[in-house]
N, C-alpha and C. Protein backbone atom coordinates (compact mmCIF):
# COMPACT_ATOMS: atom_id res chain seq x y z
N MET A 1 69.70 133.73 131.86
CA MET A 1 68.30 134.00 131.51
C MET A 1 67.41 133.05 132.31
N ARG A 2 66.34 133.56 132.85
CA ARG A 2 65.40 132.73 133.58
C ARG A 2 64.56 131.95 132.59
N PRO A 3 64.25 130.69 132.89
CA PRO A 3 63.57 129.82 131.92
C PRO A 3 62.23 130.34 131.41
N PHE A 4 61.45 131.02 132.26
CA PHE A 4 60.13 131.43 131.80
C PHE A 4 60.18 132.58 130.80
N LEU A 5 61.35 133.16 130.59
CA LEU A 5 61.47 134.24 129.62
C LEU A 5 61.79 133.73 128.22
N SER A 6 62.13 132.46 128.11
CA SER A 6 62.41 131.91 126.79
C SER A 6 61.20 131.11 126.31
N GLY A 7 61.13 130.87 125.03
CA GLY A 7 60.01 130.10 124.49
C GLY A 7 58.98 130.99 123.83
N MET A 8 57.81 130.42 123.59
CA MET A 8 56.72 131.13 122.93
C MET A 8 55.70 131.62 123.95
N SER A 9 55.07 132.71 123.63
CA SER A 9 53.99 133.19 124.49
C SER A 9 52.77 132.27 124.31
N PHE A 10 51.92 132.31 125.26
CA PHE A 10 50.69 131.52 125.20
C PHE A 10 49.90 131.85 123.93
N TRP A 11 49.79 133.14 123.63
CA TRP A 11 49.02 133.57 122.46
C TRP A 11 49.67 133.13 121.16
N ASP A 12 50.99 133.15 121.12
CA ASP A 12 51.68 132.67 119.92
C ASP A 12 51.42 131.19 119.69
N VAL A 13 51.38 130.43 120.76
CA VAL A 13 51.06 128.99 120.63
C VAL A 13 49.67 128.82 120.03
N LEU A 14 48.69 129.52 120.59
CA LEU A 14 47.31 129.40 120.08
C LEU A 14 47.19 129.83 118.62
N HIS A 15 47.93 130.88 118.24
CA HIS A 15 47.80 131.41 116.88
C HIS A 15 48.69 130.70 115.87
N THR A 16 49.66 129.93 116.35
CA THR A 16 50.59 129.24 115.45
C THR A 16 50.17 127.81 115.17
N PHE A 17 49.67 127.13 116.17
CA PHE A 17 49.35 125.71 116.05
C PHE A 17 47.84 125.50 116.06
N GLY A 18 47.36 124.86 115.00
CA GLY A 18 45.92 124.66 114.83
C GLY A 18 45.33 123.64 115.80
N PRO A 19 44.01 123.55 115.81
CA PRO A 19 43.30 122.66 116.73
C PRO A 19 43.58 121.18 116.53
N ASP A 20 44.20 120.82 115.41
CA ASP A 20 44.53 119.41 115.17
C ASP A 20 45.80 118.98 115.92
N TYR A 21 46.54 119.93 116.49
CA TYR A 21 47.73 119.58 117.28
C TYR A 21 47.30 118.96 118.61
N LYS A 22 48.15 118.13 119.14
CA LYS A 22 47.93 117.52 120.45
C LYS A 22 48.76 118.28 121.47
N VAL A 23 48.16 118.61 122.63
CA VAL A 23 48.85 119.40 123.65
C VAL A 23 49.10 118.52 124.87
N ILE A 24 50.35 118.52 125.32
CA ILE A 24 50.73 117.80 126.53
C ILE A 24 51.32 118.82 127.50
N VAL A 25 50.65 119.02 128.63
CA VAL A 25 51.15 119.89 129.69
C VAL A 25 51.84 118.98 130.68
N VAL A 26 53.10 119.25 130.97
CA VAL A 26 53.86 118.43 131.92
C VAL A 26 54.25 119.32 133.08
N GLY A 27 53.87 118.90 134.27
CA GLY A 27 54.28 119.68 135.43
C GLY A 27 53.44 119.36 136.64
N ASP A 28 54.01 119.67 137.76
CA ASP A 28 53.35 119.48 139.04
C ASP A 28 52.15 120.42 139.12
N ALA A 29 50.99 119.88 139.36
CA ALA A 29 49.77 120.69 139.45
C ALA A 29 49.53 121.20 140.86
N SER A 30 50.49 121.01 141.75
CA SER A 30 50.33 121.41 143.15
C SER A 30 50.74 122.85 143.39
N MET A 31 50.07 123.75 142.74
CA MET A 31 50.34 125.17 142.96
C MET A 31 49.30 125.72 143.92
N SER A 32 49.51 126.90 144.37
CA SER A 32 48.53 127.54 145.22
C SER A 32 47.27 127.84 144.39
N PRO A 33 46.09 127.65 144.95
CA PRO A 33 44.87 127.93 144.18
C PRO A 33 44.81 129.35 143.60
N HIS A 34 45.40 130.33 144.30
CA HIS A 34 45.35 131.70 143.74
C HIS A 34 46.14 131.82 142.45
N GLU A 35 47.12 130.93 142.23
CA GLU A 35 47.86 130.95 140.96
C GLU A 35 46.95 130.54 139.81
N ARG A 36 45.93 129.77 140.11
CA ARG A 36 44.99 129.32 139.09
C ARG A 36 43.81 130.26 138.93
N THR A 37 43.42 130.93 140.01
CA THR A 37 42.15 131.64 140.01
C THR A 37 42.24 133.16 139.97
N MET A 38 43.44 133.72 140.18
CA MET A 38 43.54 135.16 140.30
C MET A 38 44.46 135.78 139.25
N LYS A 39 44.07 136.90 138.72
CA LYS A 39 44.92 137.71 137.86
C LYS A 39 46.15 138.09 138.69
N GLY A 40 47.34 137.93 138.12
CA GLY A 40 48.56 138.25 138.84
C GLY A 40 48.96 137.20 139.87
N GLY A 41 48.32 136.05 139.85
CA GLY A 41 48.54 135.04 140.88
C GLY A 41 49.80 134.22 140.74
N SER A 42 50.48 134.29 139.62
CA SER A 42 51.69 133.50 139.42
C SER A 42 52.80 133.97 140.35
N VAL A 43 53.59 133.03 140.84
CA VAL A 43 54.70 133.39 141.71
C VAL A 43 55.94 133.78 140.90
N GLU A 44 55.99 133.45 139.60
CA GLU A 44 57.16 133.75 138.79
C GLU A 44 57.06 135.08 138.05
N HIS A 45 55.89 135.43 137.60
CA HIS A 45 55.72 136.66 136.84
C HIS A 45 54.26 137.08 136.90
N TYR A 46 54.01 138.30 136.51
CA TYR A 46 52.64 138.81 136.54
C TYR A 46 51.86 138.25 135.35
N ASN A 47 50.81 137.51 135.63
CA ASN A 47 49.94 137.04 134.55
C ASN A 47 48.71 137.94 134.50
N HIS A 48 48.32 138.30 133.31
CA HIS A 48 47.25 139.28 133.13
C HIS A 48 45.85 138.71 133.27
N GLU A 49 45.77 137.42 133.46
CA GLU A 49 44.47 136.78 133.68
C GLU A 49 44.69 135.51 134.50
N PRO A 50 43.64 135.01 135.13
CA PRO A 50 43.77 133.78 135.91
C PRO A 50 44.19 132.59 135.03
N GLY A 51 44.96 131.68 135.62
CA GLY A 51 45.40 130.49 134.90
C GLY A 51 44.26 129.63 134.40
N THR A 52 43.15 129.62 135.12
CA THR A 52 42.00 128.82 134.66
C THR A 52 41.48 129.32 133.31
N ASN A 53 41.60 130.63 133.06
CA ASN A 53 41.18 131.15 131.75
C ASN A 53 42.02 130.56 130.63
N ARG A 54 43.32 130.48 130.87
CA ARG A 54 44.20 129.93 129.84
C ARG A 54 43.97 128.44 129.64
N LEU A 55 43.78 127.73 130.73
CA LEU A 55 43.47 126.30 130.58
C LEU A 55 42.19 126.10 129.79
N SER A 56 41.19 126.92 130.06
CA SER A 56 39.93 126.82 129.31
C SER A 56 40.15 127.09 127.83
N ARG A 57 40.97 128.09 127.52
CA ARG A 57 41.26 128.39 126.11
C ARG A 57 41.96 127.22 125.42
N LEU A 58 42.92 126.60 126.14
CA LEU A 58 43.58 125.42 125.57
C LEU A 58 42.57 124.32 125.26
N LEU A 59 41.69 124.05 126.21
CA LEU A 59 40.71 122.98 126.04
C LEU A 59 39.72 123.29 124.92
N LEU A 60 39.39 124.55 124.75
CA LEU A 60 38.46 124.93 123.68
C LEU A 60 39.13 124.90 122.31
N HIS A 61 40.41 125.28 122.26
CA HIS A 61 41.10 125.38 120.97
C HIS A 61 41.61 124.03 120.46
N TYR A 62 42.19 123.25 121.36
CA TYR A 62 42.80 121.98 120.95
C TYR A 62 41.89 120.81 121.25
N GLN A 63 41.77 119.93 120.28
CA GLN A 63 40.87 118.78 120.39
C GLN A 63 41.40 117.74 121.37
N LYS A 64 42.70 117.61 121.46
CA LYS A 64 43.33 116.57 122.30
C LYS A 64 44.32 117.23 123.25
N THR A 65 44.04 117.15 124.55
CA THR A 65 44.92 117.71 125.56
C THR A 65 45.05 116.74 126.73
N VAL A 66 46.19 116.82 127.39
CA VAL A 66 46.42 116.02 128.59
C VAL A 66 47.39 116.79 129.50
N TRP A 67 47.21 116.65 130.80
CA TRP A 67 48.13 117.22 131.77
C TRP A 67 48.78 116.06 132.50
N LEU A 68 50.09 115.91 132.33
CA LEU A 68 50.82 114.85 133.01
C LEU A 68 51.37 115.41 134.32
N ASN A 69 50.83 114.94 135.42
CA ASN A 69 51.24 115.37 136.75
C ASN A 69 52.18 114.30 137.32
N PRO A 70 53.44 114.65 137.60
CA PRO A 70 54.40 113.64 138.06
C PRO A 70 54.16 113.12 139.47
N LEU A 71 53.28 113.76 140.21
CA LEU A 71 53.01 113.28 141.57
C LEU A 71 52.22 111.98 141.53
N PRO A 72 52.47 111.08 142.46
CA PRO A 72 51.68 109.85 142.52
C PRO A 72 50.20 110.18 142.75
N ILE A 73 49.33 109.42 142.13
CA ILE A 73 47.90 109.71 142.16
C ILE A 73 47.33 109.74 143.58
N ASP A 74 47.90 108.95 144.51
CA ASP A 74 47.35 108.97 145.87
C ASP A 74 47.71 110.26 146.61
N GLU A 75 48.58 111.09 146.05
CA GLU A 75 48.90 112.38 146.65
C GLU A 75 48.04 113.51 146.08
N TRP A 76 47.31 113.25 145.03
CA TRP A 76 46.52 114.29 144.38
C TRP A 76 45.46 114.87 145.31
N LYS A 77 44.94 114.08 146.22
CA LYS A 77 43.86 114.54 147.09
C LYS A 77 44.31 115.64 148.06
N TYR A 78 45.62 115.82 148.22
CA TYR A 78 46.15 116.82 149.15
C TYR A 78 46.35 118.19 148.52
N GLY A 79 46.27 118.30 147.22
CA GLY A 79 46.49 119.57 146.55
C GLY A 79 45.20 120.19 146.07
N GLN A 80 44.88 121.39 146.57
CA GLN A 80 43.64 122.06 146.16
C GLN A 80 43.63 122.34 144.65
N SER A 81 44.76 122.77 144.11
CA SER A 81 44.77 123.08 142.69
C SER A 81 44.65 121.83 141.84
N ILE A 82 45.13 120.70 142.35
CA ILE A 82 44.95 119.43 141.61
C ILE A 82 43.47 119.07 141.59
N GLN A 83 42.79 119.27 142.70
CA GLN A 83 41.36 118.99 142.75
C GLN A 83 40.60 119.88 141.77
N MET A 84 41.08 121.10 141.59
CA MET A 84 40.43 122.01 140.64
C MET A 84 40.58 121.50 139.21
N THR A 85 41.67 120.82 138.92
CA THR A 85 41.96 120.33 137.57
C THR A 85 41.35 118.97 137.32
N ASN A 86 41.36 118.15 138.31
CA ASN A 86 40.94 116.76 138.21
C ASN A 86 39.50 116.59 137.79
């Protein structure tokens, strides 16, 4: 089974866990900008809306959020999608 097929859907997370939960996103933010800005932009599966929409929903729903990017901070300036998040 491919990893992205297991787990909870984005909507299930929003509807199951209230705004008092703390959200930690862990992962390399160095994706192609179209993965963040375009419907269907994901390289793993078809997403029905741009990733920025989902990030906005997370920020609006949850009071405490953080994205842990494992890349060293001096490398962040080279990634367009990191600049979009930063």
